[in-house]
Each structure stands twice: as C-alpha cells, then as structure tokens.
Amino acid sequence: MFIRRFIRRFMADESGPTAVEYAVMLALIIAVCITAVRAMATSARNSFDNSANAINNAIK
C-alpha cells in the first residue's frame, strides 16, 4: 500500500523536471556569459595591443 502511494506521488510530482529545466537554462546562461566575456577580453587585448604599437611607433 505504501509503495503504491509513493509511486503515485513520485509520478505526479513535477518539481524534478522543473529543476532540470532550470539547471539547463542556467547552464546556457553561464555559457553565453563566458563567451561574451571572452569576446570582450579579446577585443580589449587587441585594443591595448594596437595602442601600445602606436605609442611604440610614435616614439621611434
């Protein structure tokens, strides 16, 4: 009797799939944030390199 009730409650409970959906969304958001930060870091590095080269060429 107890096992039947447990199985019915387990099958009717939707909090598990909801938690999985939130975890997948969080993983996607983190991946997008990491990609954006890397792109900005590359852009900033290129900008600083260009500025350093321009200053170095101006001094010569």
C-alpha atoms as a PDB file:
ATOM      1  CA  MET A   1       0.000   0.000   0.000  1.00  0.00           C
ATOM      2  CA  PHE A   2       2.751   2.453   0.988  1.00  0.00           C
ATOM      3  CA  ILE A   3       4.752   1.658  -2.149  1.00  0.00           C
ATOM      4  CA  ARG A   4       1.763   2.339  -4.403  1.00  0.00           C
ATOM      5  CA  ARG A   5       1.166   5.736  -2.793  1.00  0.00           C
ATOM      6  CA  PHE A   6       4.846   6.553  -3.046  1.00  0.00           C
ATOM      7  CA  ILE A   7       4.954   5.656  -6.740  1.00  0.00           C
ATOM      8  CA  ARG A   8       1.793   7.682  -7.482  1.00  0.00           C
ATOM      9  CA  ARG A   9       3.176  10.728  -5.671  1.00  0.00           C
ATOM     10  CA  PHE A  10       6.534  10.318  -7.389  1.00  0.00           C
ATOM     11  CA  MET A  11       4.928  10.135 -10.841  1.00  0.00           C
ATOM     12  CA  ALA A  12       2.671  13.130 -10.147  1.00  0.00           C
ATOM     13  CA  ASP A  13       5.479  15.310  -8.711  1.00  0.00           C
ATOM     14  CA  GLU A  14       6.706  17.784 -11.329  1.00  0.00           C
ATOM     15  CA  SER A  15       9.397  19.501  -9.275  1.00  0.00           C
ATOM     16  CA  GLY A  16      12.128  17.189 -10.618  1.00  0.00           C
ATOM     17  CA  PRO A  17      11.694  18.062 -14.302  1.00  0.00           C
ATOM     18  CA  THR A  18      11.285  21.739 -13.384  1.00  0.00           C
ATOM     19  CA  ALA A  19      14.592  21.680 -11.526  1.00  0.00           C
ATOM     20  CA  VAL A  20      16.254  20.059 -14.534  1.00  0.00           C
ATOM     21  CA  GLU A  21      14.814  22.724 -16.848  1.00  0.00           C
ATOM     22  CA  TYR A  22      16.144  25.474 -14.591  1.00  0.00           C
ATOM     23  CA  ALA A  23      19.554  23.789 -14.457  1.00  0.00           C
ATOM     24  CA  VAL A  24      19.708  23.598 -18.255  1.00  0.00           C
ATOM     25  CA  MET A  25      18.696  27.259 -18.578  1.00  0.00           C
ATOM     26  CA  LEU A  26      21.321  28.243 -16.013  1.00  0.00           C
ATOM     27  CA  ALA A  27      23.997  26.277 -17.879  1.00  0.00           C
ATOM     28  CA  LEU A  28      23.069  28.024 -21.138  1.00  0.00           C
ATOM     29  CA  ILE A  29      23.134  31.456 -19.494  1.00  0.00           C
ATOM     30  CA  ILE A  30      26.555  30.725 -17.991  1.00  0.00           C
ATOM     31  CA  ALA A  31      27.867  29.552 -21.371  1.00  0.00           C
ATOM     32  CA  VAL A  32      26.639  32.750 -23.050  1.00  0.00           C
ATOM     33  CA  CYS A  33      28.198  34.894 -20.303  1.00  0.00           C
ATOM     34  CA  ILE A  34      31.549  33.124 -20.600  1.00  0.00           C
ATOM     35  CA  THR A  35      31.503  33.536 -24.376  1.00  0.00           C
ATOM     36  CA  ALA A  36      30.668  37.237 -24.075  1.00  0.00           C
ATOM     37  CA  VAL A  37      33.415  37.855 -21.509  1.00  0.00           C
ATOM     38  CA  ARG A  38      35.968  36.068 -23.675  1.00  0.00           C
ATOM     39  CA  ALA A  39      34.944  38.113 -26.708  1.00  0.00           C
ATOM     40  CA  MET A  40      35.238  41.361 -24.748  1.00  0.00           C
ATOM     41  CA  ALA A  41      38.620  40.304 -23.351  1.00  0.00           C
ATOM     42  CA  THR A  42      39.904  39.579 -26.844  1.00  0.00           C
ATOM     43  CA  SER A  43      38.630  42.918 -28.072  1.00  0.00           C
ATOM     44  CA  ALA A  44      40.213  44.763 -25.145  1.00  0.00           C
ATOM     45  CA  ARG A  45      43.510  42.949 -25.649  1.00  0.00           C
ATOM     46  CA  ASN A  46      43.537  43.883 -29.343  1.00  0.00           C
ATOM     47  CA  SER A  47      42.761  47.486 -28.476  1.00  0.00           C
ATOM     48  CA  PHE A  48      45.597  47.670 -25.931  1.00  0.00           C
ATOM     49  CA  ASP A  49      47.993  45.986 -28.363  1.00  0.00           C
ATOM     50  CA  ASN A  50      47.086  48.488 -31.075  1.00  0.00           C
ATOM     51  CA  SER A  51      47.559  51.391 -28.658  1.00  0.00           C
ATOM     52  CA  ALA A  52      50.928  50.034 -27.473  1.00  0.00           C
ATOM     53  CA  ASN A  53      52.096  49.577 -31.061  1.00  0.00           C
ATOM     54  CA  ALA A  54      51.003  53.091 -31.983  1.00  0.00           C
ATOM     55  CA  ILE A  55      52.822  54.569 -28.989  1.00  0.00           C
ATOM     56  CA  ASN A  56      55.899  52.456 -29.705  1.00  0.00           C
ATOM     57  CA  ASN A  57      55.927  53.562 -33.364  1.00  0.00           C
ATOM     58  CA  ALA A  58      55.449  57.214 -32.389  1.00  0.00           C
ATOM     59  CA  ILE A  59      58.462  57.068 -30.056  1.00  0.00           C
ATOM     60  CA  LYS A  60      60.744  55.622 -32.749  1.00  0.00           C
END
